[in-house]
Amino acid sequence: MDPASKTIAGKVCQLLPGEEGFYAPSTEVTHTFRLALVHSTGGERVARAGLFAARQRRLRLLVACVAAKQGGLERSRLQDLKDLKLDPSEILTDVVDAAEAVCARFRRQAALLQGLTFTSHQHRHDTIADVAKKGLSRAVAHAVADSALTAFTMIGLIDRQGQNRPDLIQDKLMNGCLKAHQRLGLAFHRLDKSLQSAEQRLPQDVLSGWA
Protein backbone atom coordinates (compact mmCIF):
# COMPACT_ATOMS: atom_id res chain seq x y z
CA MET A 1 0.00 0.00 0.00
CA ASP A 2 1.37 3.41 -1.05
CA PRO A 3 -0.34 6.33 0.76
CA ALA A 4 1.40 8.89 -1.45
CA SER A 5 -0.04 7.56 -4.72
CA LYS A 6 -3.15 6.10 -3.01
CA THR A 7 -2.64 2.71 -4.61
CA ILE A 8 -2.81 -0.86 -3.34
CA ALA A 9 -0.75 -3.58 -5.02
CA GLY A 10 -0.27 -7.22 -4.17
CA LYS A 11 -0.54 -10.86 -5.13
CA VAL A 12 -3.47 -13.26 -4.91
CA CYS A 13 -3.73 -17.05 -4.67
CA GLN A 14 -6.38 -19.18 -6.35
CA LEU A 15 -7.73 -22.33 -4.70
CA LEU A 16 -7.73 -25.47 -6.81
CA PRO A 17 -11.31 -26.74 -7.28
CA GLY A 18 -11.91 -29.96 -5.41
CA GLU A 19 -8.52 -29.70 -3.67
CA GLU A 20 -9.29 -27.94 -0.41
CA GLY A 21 -6.24 -26.13 0.96
CA PHE A 22 -4.19 -26.38 -2.25
CA TYR A 23 -3.51 -23.40 -4.50
CA ALA A 24 -2.81 -22.97 -8.20
CA PRO A 25 0.76 -21.89 -9.08
CA SER A 26 1.06 -18.10 -8.98
CA THR A 27 2.82 -16.11 -11.70
CA GLU A 28 3.70 -12.46 -12.10
CA VAL A 29 1.39 -12.20 -15.10
CA THR A 30 -1.74 -13.83 -13.73
CA HIS A 31 -1.76 -13.29 -9.97
CA THR A 32 -0.77 -9.68 -9.29
CA PHE A 33 -3.02 -6.64 -9.03
CA ARG A 34 -2.78 -2.87 -8.64
CA LEU A 35 -5.71 -0.68 -7.52
CA ALA A 36 -5.77 3.11 -7.51
CA LEU A 37 -8.23 5.27 -5.56
CA VAL A 38 -10.56 7.14 -7.89
CA HIS A 39 -12.72 10.03 -6.71
CA SER A 40 -15.94 10.43 -8.67
CA THR A 41 -19.56 11.49 -8.25
CA GLY A 42 -22.57 9.23 -8.65
CA GLY A 43 -23.28 10.71 -12.06
CA GLU A 44 -19.73 10.06 -13.22
CA ARG A 45 -19.93 6.43 -12.11
CA VAL A 46 -23.21 5.96 -14.02
CA ALA A 47 -21.70 7.56 -17.13
CA ARG A 48 -18.59 5.39 -16.83
CA ALA A 49 -20.72 2.24 -16.55
CA GLY A 50 -22.74 3.30 -19.60
CA LEU A 51 -19.57 3.97 -21.59
CA PHE A 52 -18.16 0.59 -20.63
CA ALA A 53 -21.36 -1.17 -21.77
CA ALA A 54 -21.33 0.75 -25.07
CA ARG A 55 -17.70 -0.12 -25.74
CA GLN A 56 -18.36 -3.80 -25.07
CA ARG A 57 -21.29 -3.70 -27.53
CA ARG A 58 -18.99 -2.10 -30.10
CA LEU A 59 -16.42 -4.82 -29.47
CA ARG A 60 -18.96 -7.59 -30.06
CA LEU A 61 -19.93 -5.98 -33.38
CA LEU A 62 -16.28 -5.68 -34.41
CA VAL A 63 -15.64 -9.33 -33.54
CA ALA A 64 -18.69 -10.32 -35.61
CA CYS A 65 -17.35 -8.23 -38.49
CA VAL A 66 -13.94 -9.90 -38.38
CA ALA A 67 -15.46 -13.39 -38.05
CA ALA A 68 -18.01 -12.86 -40.83
CA LYS A 69 -15.75 -14.40 -43.45
CA GLN A 70 -13.99 -17.62 -42.57
CA GLY A 71 -10.50 -17.89 -44.00
CA GLY A 72 -9.96 -14.13 -44.19
CA LEU A 73 -11.60 -10.76 -44.61
CA GLU A 74 -12.78 -9.32 -47.91
CA ARG A 75 -10.66 -6.36 -49.00
CA SER A 76 -13.65 -4.01 -48.72
CA ARG A 77 -14.50 -5.24 -45.22
CA LEU A 78 -10.91 -4.76 -44.08
CA GLN A 79 -10.89 -1.25 -45.54
CA ASP A 80 -14.14 -0.45 -43.74
CA LEU A 81 -12.51 -1.56 -40.49
CA LYS A 82 -9.55 0.78 -41.13
CA ASP A 83 -11.81 3.67 -42.13
CA LEU A 84 -13.42 3.64 -38.69
CA LYS A 85 -10.15 5.14 -37.39
CA LEU A 86 -10.40 3.29 -34.11
CA ASP A 87 -7.81 3.77 -31.39
CA PRO A 88 -5.97 0.42 -31.08
CA SER A 89 -5.07 1.16 -27.45
CA GLU A 90 -8.74 1.70 -26.58
CA ILE A 91 -9.84 -1.45 -28.39
CA LEU A 92 -7.09 -3.43 -26.67
CA THR A 93 -8.41 -2.30 -23.29
CA ASP A 94 -11.90 -3.46 -24.28
CA VAL A 95 -10.59 -6.83 -25.49
CA VAL A 96 -8.72 -7.40 -22.22
CA ASP A 97 -11.82 -6.42 -20.21
CA ALA A 98 -13.95 -8.83 -22.25
CA ALA A 99 -11.49 -11.68 -21.68
CA GLU A 100 -11.50 -11.01 -17.94
CA ALA A 101 -15.31 -11.04 -17.98
CA VAL A 102 -15.17 -14.52 -19.52
CA CYS A 103 -12.82 -15.65 -16.73
CA ALA A 104 -15.28 -14.32 -14.14
CA ARG A 105 -18.12 -16.12 -15.92
CA PHE A 106 -16.22 -19.42 -15.75
CA ARG A 107 -15.51 -18.92 -12.05
CA ARG A 108 -19.20 -18.24 -11.31
CA GLN A 109 -20.22 -21.33 -13.25
CA ALA A 110 -17.63 -23.43 -11.39
CA ALA A 111 -19.00 -22.20 -8.06
CA LEU A 112 -22.55 -23.06 -9.17
CA LEU A 113 -21.49 -26.59 -10.11
CA GLN A 114 -19.67 -27.09 -6.83
CA GLY A 115 -22.88 -26.29 -4.93
CA LEU A 116 -25.08 -28.80 -6.76
CA THR A 117 -26.52 -31.77 -4.87
CA PHE A 118 -28.55 -34.63 -6.31
CA THR A 119 -31.25 -36.88 -4.86
CA SER A 120 -30.59 -39.76 -7.29
CA HIS A 121 -28.53 -40.77 -10.31
CA GLN A 122 -31.41 -39.77 -12.58
CA HIS A 123 -31.66 -36.39 -10.90
CA ARG A 124 -27.93 -35.89 -11.44
CA HIS A 125 -28.22 -36.84 -15.12
CA ASP A 126 -31.21 -34.53 -15.66
CA THR A 127 -29.57 -31.61 -13.82
CA ILE A 128 -26.31 -31.86 -15.78
CA ALA A 129 -28.29 -32.05 -19.03
CA ASP A 130 -30.37 -29.04 -18.02
CA VAL A 131 -27.40 -26.80 -17.23
CA ALA A 132 -25.80 -27.88 -20.53
CA LYS A 133 -28.92 -26.73 -22.42
CA LYS A 134 -28.57 -23.37 -20.66
CA GLY A 135 -25.02 -22.96 -21.95
CA LEU A 136 -22.95 -24.46 -19.16
CA SER A 137 -20.91 -27.05 -21.01
CA ARG A 138 -17.34 -27.66 -22.12
CA ALA A 139 -18.21 -27.05 -25.79
CA VAL A 140 -19.75 -23.65 -25.07
CA ALA A 141 -16.88 -22.71 -22.75
CA HIS A 142 -14.35 -23.61 -25.46
CA ALA A 143 -16.18 -21.47 -28.01
CA VAL A 144 -16.44 -18.49 -25.63
CA ALA A 145 -12.75 -18.69 -24.69
CA ASP A 146 -11.70 -19.01 -28.33
CA SER A 147 -13.79 -15.96 -29.24
CA ALA A 148 -12.17 -13.93 -26.45
CA LEU A 149 -8.69 -14.82 -27.71
CA THR A 150 -9.60 -14.27 -31.37
CA ALA A 151 -10.60 -10.70 -30.53
CA PHE A 152 -6.92 -9.88 -29.98
CA THR A 153 -6.29 -10.36 -33.71
CA MET A 154 -8.43 -7.30 -34.41
CA ILE A 155 -5.82 -5.02 -32.88
CA GLY A 156 -3.36 -5.90 -35.62
CA LEU A 157 -6.01 -5.41 -38.31
CA ILE A 158 -6.98 -2.01 -36.96
CA ASP A 159 -3.33 -0.94 -36.73
CA ARG A 160 -2.21 -2.51 -40.01
CA GLN A 161 -1.73 0.84 -41.73
CA GLY A 162 1.28 1.43 -39.46
CA GLN A 163 0.18 4.88 -38.38
CA ASN A 164 0.09 4.04 -34.69
CA ARG A 165 2.86 3.38 -32.18
CA PRO A 166 4.67 0.08 -32.98
CA ASP A 167 5.30 -0.56 -29.28
CA LEU A 168 1.54 -0.93 -28.80
CA ILE A 169 1.46 -3.98 -31.05
CA GLN A 170 4.79 -5.41 -29.97
CA ASP A 171 4.46 -4.96 -26.22
CA LYS A 172 0.95 -4.24 -24.95
CA LEU A 173 -0.72 -6.61 -27.38
CA MET A 174 1.66 -9.49 -26.66
CA ASN A 175 1.45 -8.98 -22.90
CA GLY A 176 -2.34 -8.66 -22.96
CA CYS A 177 -2.75 -11.77 -25.11
CA LEU A 178 -0.36 -13.80 -22.93
CA LYS A 179 -2.15 -12.78 -19.75
CA ALA A 180 -5.58 -13.51 -21.23
CA HIS A 181 -4.43 -16.89 -22.55
CA GLN A 182 -3.09 -17.95 -19.15
CA ARG A 183 -6.04 -16.66 -17.15
CA LEU A 184 -8.61 -18.15 -19.53
CA GLY A 185 -6.79 -21.47 -19.34
CA LEU A 186 -6.84 -21.47 -15.55
CA ALA A 187 -10.50 -20.43 -15.43
CA PHE A 188 -11.50 -23.11 -17.95
CA HIS A 189 -9.56 -25.74 -16.02
CA ARG A 190 -11.43 -24.72 -12.86
CA LEU A 191 -14.75 -25.00 -14.67
CA ASP A 192 -13.80 -28.37 -16.16
CA LYS A 193 -12.77 -29.77 -12.76
CA SER A 194 -16.03 -28.56 -11.21
CA LEU A 195 -18.02 -30.15 -14.02
CA GLN A 196 -16.15 -33.44 -13.58
CA SER A 197 -16.84 -33.33 -9.85
CA ALA A 198 -20.55 -32.71 -10.43
CA GLU A 199 -20.75 -35.53 -12.99
CA GLN A 200 -19.22 -37.97 -10.48
CA ARG A 201 -20.88 -36.66 -7.30
CA LEU A 202 -22.69 -39.35 -5.32
CA PRO A 203 -26.44 -38.71 -4.99
CA GLN A 204 -28.17 -38.53 -1.62
CA ASP A 205 -29.98 -41.89 -2.01
CA VAL A 206 -26.61 -43.67 -2.32
CA LEU A 207 -25.15 -41.86 0.66
CA SER A 208 -28.26 -42.65 2.72
CA GLY A 209 -27.86 -46.33 1.92
CA TRP A 210 -24.44 -46.32 3.56
CA ALA A 211 -25.75 -44.96 6.83
C-alpha atoms as a PDB file:
ATOM      1  CA  MET A   1       0.000   0.000   0.000  1.00  0.00           C
ATOM      2  CA  ASP A   2       1.374   3.410  -1.045  1.00  0.00           C
ATOM      3  CA  PRO A   3      -0.342   6.333   0.763  1.00  0.00           C
ATOM      4  CA  ALA A   4       1.399   8.887  -1.445  1.00  0.00           C
ATOM      5  CA  SER A   5      -0.044   7.562  -4.715  1.00  0.00           C
ATOM      6  CA  LYS A   6      -3.146   6.099  -3.014  1.00  0.00           C
ATOM      7  CA  THR A   7      -2.639   2.709  -4.611  1.00  0.00           C
ATOM      8  CA  ILE A   8      -2.808  -0.863  -3.337  1.00  0.00           C
ATOM      9  CA  ALA A   9      -0.755  -3.577  -5.022  1.00  0.00           C
ATOM     10  CA  GLY A  10      -0.271  -7.223  -4.174  1.00  0.00           C
ATOM     11  CA  LYS A  11      -0.541 -10.861  -5.134  1.00  0.00           C
ATOM     12  CA  VAL A  12      -3.469 -13.256  -4.910  1.00  0.00           C
ATOM     13  CA  CYS A  13      -3.729 -17.050  -4.672  1.00  0.00           C
ATOM     14  CA  GLN A  14      -6.376 -19.178  -6.351  1.00  0.00           C
ATOM     15  CA  LEU A  15      -7.733 -22.332  -4.704  1.00  0.00           C
ATOM     16  CA  LEU A  16      -7.732 -25.471  -6.814  1.00  0.00           C
ATOM     17  CA  PRO A  17     -11.315 -26.743  -7.280  1.00  0.00           C
ATOM     18  CA  GLY A  18     -11.913 -29.962  -5.412  1.00  0.00           C
ATOM     19  CA  GLU A  19      -8.519 -29.704  -3.675  1.00  0.00           C
ATOM     20  CA  GLU A  20      -9.287 -27.944  -0.407  1.00  0.00           C
ATOM     21  CA  GLY A  21      -6.245 -26.129   0.957  1.00  0.00           C
ATOM     22  CA  PHE A  22      -4.194 -26.375  -2.251  1.00  0.00           C
ATOM     23  CA  TYR A  23      -3.506 -23.397  -4.503  1.00  0.00           C
ATOM     24  CA  ALA A  24      -2.806 -22.968  -8.200  1.00  0.00           C
ATOM     25  CA  PRO A  25       0.757 -21.888  -9.079  1.00  0.00           C
ATOM     26  CA  SER A  26       1.059 -18.097  -8.984  1.00  0.00           C
ATOM     27  CA  THR A  27       2.815 -16.110 -11.697  1.00  0.00           C
ATOM     28  CA  GLU A  28       3.695 -12.461 -12.097  1.00  0.00           C
ATOM     29  CA  VAL A  29       1.390 -12.201 -15.105  1.00  0.00           C
ATOM     30  CA  THR A  30      -1.741 -13.835 -13.729  1.00  0.00           C
ATOM     31  CA  HIS A  31      -1.764 -13.291  -9.967  1.00  0.00           C
ATOM     32  CA  THR A  32      -0.773  -9.681  -9.294  1.00  0.00           C
ATOM     33  CA  PHE A  33      -3.023  -6.643  -9.030  1.00  0.00           C
ATOM     34  CA  ARG A  34      -2.781  -2.872  -8.642  1.00  0.00           C
ATOM     35  CA  LEU A  35      -5.709  -0.679  -7.519  1.00  0.00           C
ATOM     36  CA  ALA A  36      -5.767   3.115  -7.509  1.00  0.00           C
ATOM     37  CA  LEU A  37      -8.228   5.270  -5.556  1.00  0.00           C
ATOM     38  CA  VAL A  38     -10.564   7.140  -7.895  1.00  0.00           C
ATOM     39  CA  HIS A  39     -12.719  10.035  -6.711  1.00  0.00           C
ATOM     40  CA  SER A  40     -15.938  10.432  -8.673  1.00  0.00           C
ATOM     41  CA  THR A  41     -19.558  11.489  -8.251  1.00  0.00           C
ATOM     42  CA  GLY A  42     -22.571   9.230  -8.651  1.00  0.00           C
ATOM     43  CA  GLY A  43     -23.280  10.708 -12.065  1.00  0.00           C
ATOM     44  CA  GLU A  44     -19.726  10.055 -13.218  1.00  0.00           C
ATOM     45  CA  ARG A  45     -19.935   6.432 -12.111  1.00  0.00           C
ATOM     46  CA  VAL A  46     -23.212   5.964 -14.023  1.00  0.00           C
ATOM     47  CA  ALA A  47     -21.696   7.564 -17.127  1.00  0.00           C
ATOM     48  CA  ARG A  48     -18.592   5.394 -16.825  1.00  0.00           C
ATOM     49  CA  ALA A  49     -20.721   2.244 -16.549  1.00  0.00           C
ATOM     50  CA  GLY A  50     -22.739   3.304 -19.600  1.00  0.00           C
ATOM     51  CA  LEU A  51     -19.571   3.972 -21.590  1.00  0.00           C
ATOM     52  CA  PHE A  52     -18.163   0.587 -20.626  1.00  0.00           C
ATOM     53  CA  ALA A  53     -21.356  -1.174 -21.774  1.00  0.00           C
ATOM     54  CA  ALA A  54     -21.333   0.753 -25.069  1.00  0.00           C
ATOM     55  CA  ARG A  55     -17.696  -0.115 -25.738  1.00  0.00           C
ATOM     56  CA  GLN A  56     -18.360  -3.796 -25.069  1.00  0.00           C
ATOM     57  CA  ARG A  57     -21.285  -3.703 -27.531  1.00  0.00           C
ATOM     58  CA  ARG A  58     -18.985  -2.096 -30.105  1.00  0.00           C
ATOM     59  CA  LEU A  59     -16.417  -4.823 -29.467  1.00  0.00           C
ATOM     60  CA  ARG A  60     -18.961  -7.587 -30.061  1.00  0.00           C
ATOM     61  CA  LEU A  61     -19.929  -5.977 -33.380  1.00  0.00           C
ATOM     62  CA  LEU A  62     -16.278  -5.680 -34.412  1.00  0.00           C
ATOM     63  CA  VAL A  63     -15.643  -9.333 -33.542  1.00  0.00           C
ATOM     64  CA  ALA A  64     -18.686 -10.315 -35.606  1.00  0.00           C
ATOM     65  CA  CYS A  65     -17.347  -8.227 -38.488  1.00  0.00           C
ATOM     66  CA  VAL A  66     -13.939  -9.901 -38.377  1.00  0.00           C
ATOM     67  CA  ALA A  67     -15.456 -13.394 -38.048  1.00  0.00           C
ATOM     68  CA  ALA A  68     -18.010 -12.856 -40.827  1.00  0.00           C
ATOM     69  CA  LYS A  69     -15.746 -14.402 -43.445  1.00  0.00           C
ATOM     70  CA  GLN A  70     -13.988 -17.619 -42.575  1.00  0.00           C
ATOM     71  CA  GLY A  71     -10.499 -17.886 -44.000  1.00  0.00           C
ATOM     72  CA  GLY A  72      -9.956 -14.131 -44.193  1.00  0.00           C
ATOM     73  CA  LEU A  73     -11.599 -10.758 -44.613  1.00  0.00           C
ATOM     74  CA  GLU A  74     -12.779  -9.324 -47.910  1.00  0.00           C
ATOM     75  CA  ARG A  75     -10.660  -6.361 -48.997  1.00  0.00           C
ATOM     76  CA  SER A  76     -13.652  -4.005 -48.725  1.00  0.00           C
ATOM     77  CA  ARG A  77     -14.503  -5.242 -45.223  1.00  0.00           C
ATOM     78  CA  LEU A  78     -10.907  -4.760 -44.078  1.00  0.00           C
ATOM     79  CA  GLN A  79     -10.887  -1.251 -45.541  1.00  0.00           C
ATOM     80  CA  ASP A  80     -14.142  -0.452 -43.738  1.00  0.00           C
ATOM     81  CA  LEU A  81     -12.505  -1.557 -40.488  1.00  0.00           C
ATOM     82  CA  LYS A  82      -9.550   0.775 -41.130  1.00  0.00           C
ATOM     83  CA  ASP A  83     -11.812   3.669 -42.135  1.00  0.00           C
ATOM     84  CA  LEU A  84     -13.424   3.641 -38.685  1.00  0.00           C
ATOM     85  CA  LYS A  85     -10.148   5.143 -37.394  1.00  0.00           C
ATOM     86  CA  LEU A  86     -10.398   3.293 -34.114  1.00  0.00           C
ATOM     87  CA  ASP A  87      -7.814   3.774 -31.393  1.00  0.00           C
ATOM     88  CA  PRO A  88      -5.973   0.423 -31.077  1.00  0.00           C
ATOM     89  CA  SER A  89      -5.073   1.156 -27.450  1.00  0.00           C
ATOM     90  CA  GLU A  90      -8.739   1.703 -26.581  1.00  0.00           C
ATOM     91  CA  ILE A  91      -9.843  -1.452 -28.386  1.00  0.00           C
ATOM     92  CA  LEU A  92      -7.090  -3.434 -26.670  1.00  0.00           C
ATOM     93  CA  THR A  93      -8.412  -2.300 -23.287  1.00  0.00           C
ATOM     94  CA  ASP A  94     -11.901  -3.456 -24.283  1.00  0.00           C
ATOM     95  CA  VAL A  95     -10.589  -6.830 -25.488  1.00  0.00           C
ATOM     96  CA  VAL A  96      -8.715  -7.399 -22.218  1.00  0.00           C
ATOM     97  CA  ASP A  97     -11.825  -6.421 -20.212  1.00  0.00           C
ATOM     98  CA  ALA A  98     -13.948  -8.832 -22.249  1.00  0.00           C
ATOM     99  CA  ALA A  99     -11.486 -11.682 -21.679  1.00  0.00           C
ATOM    100  CA  GLU A 100     -11.504 -11.014 -17.935  1.00  0.00           C
ATOM    101  CA  ALA A 101     -15.314 -11.041 -17.976  1.00  0.00           C
ATOM    102  CA  VAL A 102     -15.169 -14.524 -19.523  1.00  0.00           C
ATOM    103  CA  CYS A 103     -12.820 -15.651 -16.726  1.00  0.00           C
ATOM    104  CA  ALA A 104     -15.275 -14.315 -14.144  1.00  0.00           C
ATOM    105  CA  ARG A 105     -18.120 -16.125 -15.918  1.00  0.00           C
ATOM    106  CA  PHE A 106     -16.217 -19.423 -15.752  1.00  0.00           C
ATOM    107  CA  ARG A 107     -15.513 -18.916 -12.047  1.00  0.00           C
ATOM    108  CA  ARG A 108     -19.203 -18.239 -11.313  1.00  0.00           C
ATOM    109  CA  GLN A 109     -20.218 -21.335 -13.252  1.00  0.00           C
ATOM    110  CA  ALA A 110     -17.631 -23.426 -11.388  1.00  0.00           C
ATOM    111  CA  ALA A 111     -19.003 -22.195  -8.058  1.00  0.00           C
ATOM    112  CA  LEU A 112     -22.546 -23.061  -9.165  1.00  0.00           C
ATOM    113  CA  LEU A 113     -21.493 -26.590 -10.115  1.00  0.00           C
ATOM    114  CA  GLN A 114     -19.674 -27.091  -6.826  1.00  0.00           C
ATOM    115  CA  GLY A 115     -22.877 -26.290  -4.930  1.00  0.00           C
ATOM    116  CA  LEU A 116     -25.081 -28.796  -6.758  1.00  0.00           C
ATOM    117  CA  THR A 117     -26.523 -31.771  -4.874  1.00  0.00           C
ATOM    118  CA  PHE A 118     -28.552 -34.633  -6.313  1.00  0.00           C
ATOM    119  CA  THR A 119     -31.246 -36.875  -4.861  1.00  0.00           C
ATOM    120  CA  SER A 120     -30.594 -39.755  -7.290  1.00  0.00           C
ATOM    121  CA  HIS A 121     -28.528 -40.766 -10.315  1.00  0.00           C
ATOM    122  CA  GLN A 122     -31.411 -39.772 -12.584  1.00  0.00           C
ATOM    123  CA  HIS A 123     -31.664 -36.389 -10.896  1.00  0.00           C
ATOM    124  CA  ARG A 124     -27.935 -35.891 -11.444  1.00  0.00           C
ATOM    125  CA  HIS A 125     -28.219 -36.838 -15.115  1.00  0.00           C
ATOM    126  CA  ASP A 126     -31.210 -34.534 -15.663  1.00  0.00           C
ATOM    127  CA  THR A 127     -29.566 -31.610 -13.824  1.00  0.00           C
ATOM    128  CA  ILE A 128     -26.309 -31.858 -15.784  1.00  0.00           C
ATOM    129  CA  ALA A 129     -28.285 -32.049 -19.030  1.00  0.00           C
ATOM    130  CA  ASP A 130     -30.374 -29.038 -18.016  1.00  0.00           C
ATOM    131  CA  VAL A 131     -27.400 -26.804 -17.234  1.00  0.00           C
ATOM    132  CA  ALA A 132     -25.799 -27.876 -20.528  1.00  0.00           C
ATOM    133  CA  LYS A 133     -28.916 -26.726 -22.419  1.00  0.00           C
ATOM    134  CA  LYS A 134     -28.570 -23.366 -20.661  1.00  0.00           C
ATOM    135  CA  GLY A 135     -25.016 -22.958 -21.950  1.00  0.00           C
ATOM    136  CA  LEU A 136     -22.948 -24.461 -19.157  1.00  0.00           C
ATOM    137  CA  SER A 137     -20.909 -27.052 -21.014  1.00  0.00           C
ATOM    138  CA  ARG A 138     -17.344 -27.658 -22.124  1.00  0.00           C
ATOM    139  CA  ALA A 139     -18.211 -27.045 -25.790  1.00  0.00           C
ATOM    140  CA  VAL A 140     -19.751 -23.648 -25.066  1.00  0.00           C
ATOM    141  CA  ALA A 141     -16.882 -22.708 -22.751  1.00  0.00           C
ATOM    142  CA  HIS A 142     -14.351 -23.611 -25.459  1.00  0.00           C
ATOM    143  CA  ALA A 143     -16.184 -21.467 -28.006  1.00  0.00           C
ATOM    144  CA  VAL A 144     -16.436 -18.493 -25.626  1.00  0.00           C
ATOM    145  CA  ALA A 145     -12.749 -18.686 -24.685  1.00  0.00           C
ATOM    146  CA  ASP A 146     -11.700 -19.012 -28.332  1.00  0.00           C
ATOM    147  CA  SER A 147     -13.786 -15.963 -29.240  1.00  0.00           C
ATOM    148  CA  ALA A 148     -12.175 -13.934 -26.451  1.00  0.00           C
ATOM    149  CA  LEU A 149      -8.689 -14.821 -27.711  1.00  0.00           C
ATOM    150  CA  THR A 150      -9.597 -14.272 -31.375  1.00  0.00           C
ATOM    151  CA  ALA A 151     -10.602 -10.703 -30.527  1.00  0.00           C
ATOM    152  CA  PHE A 152      -6.917  -9.885 -29.979  1.00  0.00           C
ATOM    153  CA  THR A 153      -6.289 -10.365 -33.713  1.00  0.00           C
ATOM    154  CA  MET A 154      -8.434  -7.304 -34.409  1.00  0.00           C
ATOM    155  CA  ILE A 155      -5.824  -5.019 -32.884  1.00  0.00           C
ATOM    156  CA  GLY A 156      -3.362  -5.896 -35.621  1.00  0.00           C
ATOM    157  CA  LEU A 157      -6.008  -5.407 -38.312  1.00  0.00           C
ATOM    158  CA  ILE A 158      -6.983  -2.005 -36.963  1.00  0.00           C
ATOM    159  CA  ASP A 159      -3.331  -0.945 -36.726  1.00  0.00           C
ATOM    160  CA  ARG A 160      -2.213  -2.513 -40.007  1.00  0.00           C
ATOM    161  CA  GLN A 161      -1.729   0.837 -41.733  1.00  0.00           C
ATOM    162  CA  GLY A 162       1.283   1.428 -39.460  1.00  0.00           C
ATOM    163  CA  GLN A 163       0.175   4.881 -38.376  1.00  0.00           C
ATOM    164  CA  ASN A 164       0.088   4.038 -34.691  1.00  0.00           C
ATOM    165  CA  ARG A 165       2.856   3.376 -32.185  1.00  0.00           C
ATOM    166  CA  PRO A 166       4.667   0.078 -32.982  1.00  0.00           C
ATOM    167  CA  ASP A 167       5.302  -0.558 -29.284  1.00  0.00           C
ATOM    168  CA  LEU A 168       1.535  -0.931 -28.799  1.00  0.00           C
ATOM    169  CA  ILE A 169       1.464  -3.976 -31.053  1.00  0.00           C
ATOM    170  CA  GLN A 170       4.793  -5.413 -29.965  1.00  0.00           C
ATOM    171  CA  ASP A 171       4.458  -4.956 -26.217  1.00  0.00           C
ATOM    172  CA  LYS A 172       0.950  -4.239 -24.950  1.00  0.00           C
ATOM    173  CA  LEU A 173      -0.716  -6.612 -27.379  1.00  0.00           C
ATOM    174  CA  MET A 174       1.655  -9.491 -26.659  1.00  0.00           C
ATOM    175  CA  ASN A 175       1.447  -8.983 -22.896  1.00  0.00           C
ATOM    176  CA  GLY A 176      -2.336  -8.662 -22.960  1.00  0.00           C
ATOM    177  CA  CYS A 177      -2.745 -11.768 -25.110  1.00  0.00           C
ATOM    178  CA  LEU A 178      -0.364 -13.799 -22.927  1.00  0.00           C
ATOM    179  CA  LYS A 179      -2.152 -12.776 -19.752  1.00  0.00           C
ATOM    180  CA  ALA A 180      -5.577 -13.511 -21.227  1.00  0.00           C
ATOM    181  CA  HIS A 181      -4.431 -16.891 -22.550  1.00  0.00           C
ATOM    182  CA  GLN A 182      -3.091 -17.950 -19.153  1.00  0.00           C
ATOM    183  CA  ARG A 183      -6.044 -16.662 -17.150  1.00  0.00           C
ATOM    184  CA  LEU A 184      -8.606 -18.152 -19.534  1.00  0.00           C
ATOM    185  CA  GLY A 185      -6.787 -21.470 -19.345  1.00  0.00           C
ATOM    186  CA  LEU A 186      -6.844 -21.468 -15.550  1.00  0.00           C
ATOM    187  CA  ALA A 187     -10.499 -20.433 -15.435  1.00  0.00           C
ATOM    188  CA  PHE A 188     -11.496 -23.108 -17.952  1.00  0.00           C
ATOM    189  CA  HIS A 189      -9.557 -25.743 -16.017  1.00  0.00           C
ATOM    190  CA  ARG A 190     -11.425 -24.723 -12.861  1.00  0.00           C
ATOM    191  CA  LEU A 191     -14.749 -25.002 -14.666  1.00  0.00           C
ATOM    192  CA  ASP A 192     -13.797 -28.368 -16.164  1.00  0.00           C
ATOM    193  CA  LYS A 193     -12.765 -29.775 -12.764  1.00  0.00           C
ATOM    194  CA  SER A 194     -16.027 -28.561 -11.210  1.00  0.00           C
ATOM    195  CA  LEU A 195     -18.019 -30.154 -14.017  1.00  0.00           C
ATOM    196  CA  GLN A 196     -16.149 -33.436 -13.583  1.00  0.00           C
ATOM    197  CA  SER A 197     -16.836 -33.326  -9.848  1.00  0.00           C
ATOM    198  CA  ALA A 198     -20.549 -32.711 -10.428  1.00  0.00           C
ATOM    199  CA  GLU A 199     -20.748 -35.531 -12.987  1.00  0.00           C
ATOM    200  CA  GLN A 200     -19.225 -37.971 -10.479  1.00  0.00           C
ATOM    201  CA  ARG A 201     -20.883 -36.663  -7.297  1.00  0.00           C
ATOM    202  CA  LEU A 202     -22.694 -39.355  -5.321  1.00  0.00           C
ATOM    203  CA  PRO A 203     -26.436 -38.710  -4.990  1.00  0.00           C
ATOM    204  CA  GLN A 204     -28.168 -38.535  -1.625  1.00  0.00           C
ATOM    205  CA  ASP A 205     -29.976 -41.890  -2.006  1.00  0.00           C
ATOM    206  CA  VAL A 206     -26.614 -43.674  -2.321  1.00  0.00           C
ATOM    207  CA  LEU A 207     -25.145 -41.863   0.655  1.00  0.00           C
ATOM    208  CA  SER A 208     -28.259 -42.646   2.719  1.00  0.00           C
ATOM    209  CA  GLY A 209     -27.860 -46.328   1.924  1.00  0.00           C
ATOM    210  CA  TRP A 210     -24.444 -46.315   3.559  1.00  0.00           C
ATOM    211  CA  ALA A 211     -25.752 -44.958   6.835  1.00  0.00           C
END
